[in-house]
Every structure is written in C-alpha cells, then in structure tokens.
Amino acid sequence: MNDNDNYKSIIKTLLDSNFISLVKDVAKPVFTSDDLMRLLNVKENTLRNYRDNGYLGYTRLGDKIWYTQQDVLKFLNNPKLRHEQFA
C-alpha cells in the first residue's frame, strides 16, 4: 500500500465515522454549507459564487464541503465585500 492509498483509507475512515460531527459538537470549529446559508441568510448559489470567486475558503472531503471558523472570519473581514446584508 502506498502513501496515496493510506491517505484515501484515512479519509474514508473519517468520513464513515462520526469524527466530523464530534468535532462540530465540541467547539463548532467547522460549518457546513447549510450552516453558512442559514447564518449569512444567503442561497446555495450565492455561497457557491463566494467559493468560486475565492472570497470564501473551504475544504472538500468527499462530496461534503466544510468551512472553518477561520474561513468564515476571513470572509467576513474581507474589505472587498459589502457585508451590510449580514448584519
């Protein structure tokens, strides 16, 4: 088994386990797209546009997209964007 196979195996194990939900429950350092759509009061297409244009950082694990608190804070503090709609 090579390093790439080991990496895939670890990711699969994490996705198949409750690891992500456990991390979320402990300190809420990770948000889902649904979380952010609700918090920012935006639709899925708007969130996708933010990601695609590089305004909002994210991590993709399998078919899920995750946002860290750092991703969200960096997005909210971006002076190029107008965030009055989020207040």
Protein backbone atom coordinates (compact mmCIF):
# COMPACT_ATOMS: atom_id res chain seq x y z
CA MET A 1 0.00 0.00 0.00
CA ASN A 2 1.46 3.38 -1.00
CA ASP A 3 1.07 6.79 0.70
CA ASN A 4 -1.82 7.78 -1.57
CA ASP A 5 -3.74 4.61 -0.64
CA ASN A 6 -3.04 5.26 3.06
CA TYR A 7 -4.35 8.81 2.71
CA LYS A 8 -7.51 7.63 0.95
CA SER A 9 -8.04 4.99 3.62
CA ILE A 10 -7.73 7.55 6.42
CA ILE A 11 -10.14 9.97 4.72
CA LYS A 12 -12.65 7.17 4.11
CA THR A 13 -12.44 6.12 7.76
CA LEU A 14 -13.03 9.71 8.90
CA LEU A 15 -15.97 10.15 6.55
CA ASP A 16 -17.52 6.84 7.57
CA SER A 17 -17.14 7.63 11.28
CA ASN A 18 -18.75 10.30 13.40
CA PHE A 19 -15.46 12.22 13.54
CA ILE A 20 -16.75 15.35 11.80
CA SER A 21 -19.91 15.52 13.89
CA LEU A 22 -17.87 15.01 17.06
CA VAL A 23 -15.56 17.87 16.12
CA LYS A 24 -18.54 20.07 15.30
CA ASP A 25 -20.18 19.34 18.64
CA VAL A 26 -17.09 20.11 20.71
CA ALA A 27 -16.37 23.72 19.74
CA LYS A 28 -18.16 24.37 16.44
CA PRO A 29 -14.91 24.97 14.51
CA VAL A 30 -16.45 23.52 11.35
CA PHE A 31 -19.53 24.64 9.46
CA THR A 32 -21.48 23.01 6.65
CA SER A 33 -22.91 24.87 3.67
CA ASP A 34 -26.36 24.64 5.30
CA ASP A 35 -24.94 26.24 8.46
CA LEU A 36 -23.49 29.14 6.47
CA MET A 37 -26.55 29.65 4.30
CA ARG A 38 -28.60 29.98 7.48
CA LEU A 39 -26.06 32.20 9.29
CA LEU A 40 -25.46 34.52 6.34
CA ASN A 41 -29.03 34.36 5.06
CA VAL A 42 -27.90 33.53 1.51
CA LYS A 43 -28.90 30.90 -1.01
CA GLU A 44 -26.75 28.00 -2.21
CA ASN A 45 -25.80 29.74 -5.48
CA THR A 46 -24.54 32.80 -3.60
CA LEU A 47 -22.39 30.64 -1.34
CA ARG A 48 -21.04 28.81 -4.40
CA ASN A 49 -20.19 32.13 -6.05
CA TYR A 50 -18.26 33.22 -2.95
CA ARG A 51 -16.26 29.96 -3.09
CA ASP A 52 -15.72 30.04 -6.85
CA ASN A 53 -14.51 33.66 -6.76
CA GLY A 54 -12.07 32.92 -3.94
CA TYR A 55 -13.83 35.05 -1.34
CA LEU A 56 -14.68 32.14 0.94
CA GLY A 57 -12.20 29.41 1.82
CA TYR A 58 -13.39 25.85 2.23
CA THR A 59 -12.31 22.23 2.41
CA ARG A 60 -13.86 19.44 0.40
CA LEU A 61 -13.86 15.97 1.93
CA GLY A 62 -15.51 13.51 -0.40
CA ASP A 63 -18.77 15.08 -1.52
CA LYS A 64 -19.05 17.37 1.53
CA ILE A 65 -17.86 20.97 1.80
CA TRP A 66 -16.66 22.24 5.17
CA TYR A 67 -15.81 25.76 6.34
CA THR A 68 -13.62 26.51 9.35
CA GLN A 69 -14.16 29.43 11.69
CA GLN A 70 -11.02 30.93 10.18
CA ASP A 71 -12.53 30.66 6.66
CA VAL A 72 -15.71 32.42 7.81
CA LEU A 73 -13.94 35.17 9.78
CA LYS A 74 -11.58 35.89 6.90
CA PHE A 75 -14.58 36.14 4.57
CA LEU A 76 -16.50 38.45 6.92
CA ASN A 77 -13.46 40.70 7.40
CA ASN A 78 -12.71 40.98 3.67
CA PRO A 79 -12.83 44.73 2.89
CA LYS A 80 -13.60 44.00 -0.79
CA LEU A 81 -17.04 42.67 0.13
CA ARG A 82 -20.01 44.56 1.47
CA HIS A 83 -21.43 42.71 4.45
CA GLU A 84 -24.24 45.02 5.47
CA GLN A 85 -26.66 42.29 4.41
CA PHE A 86 -25.24 40.01 7.12
CA ALA A 87 -25.67 42.48 10.00
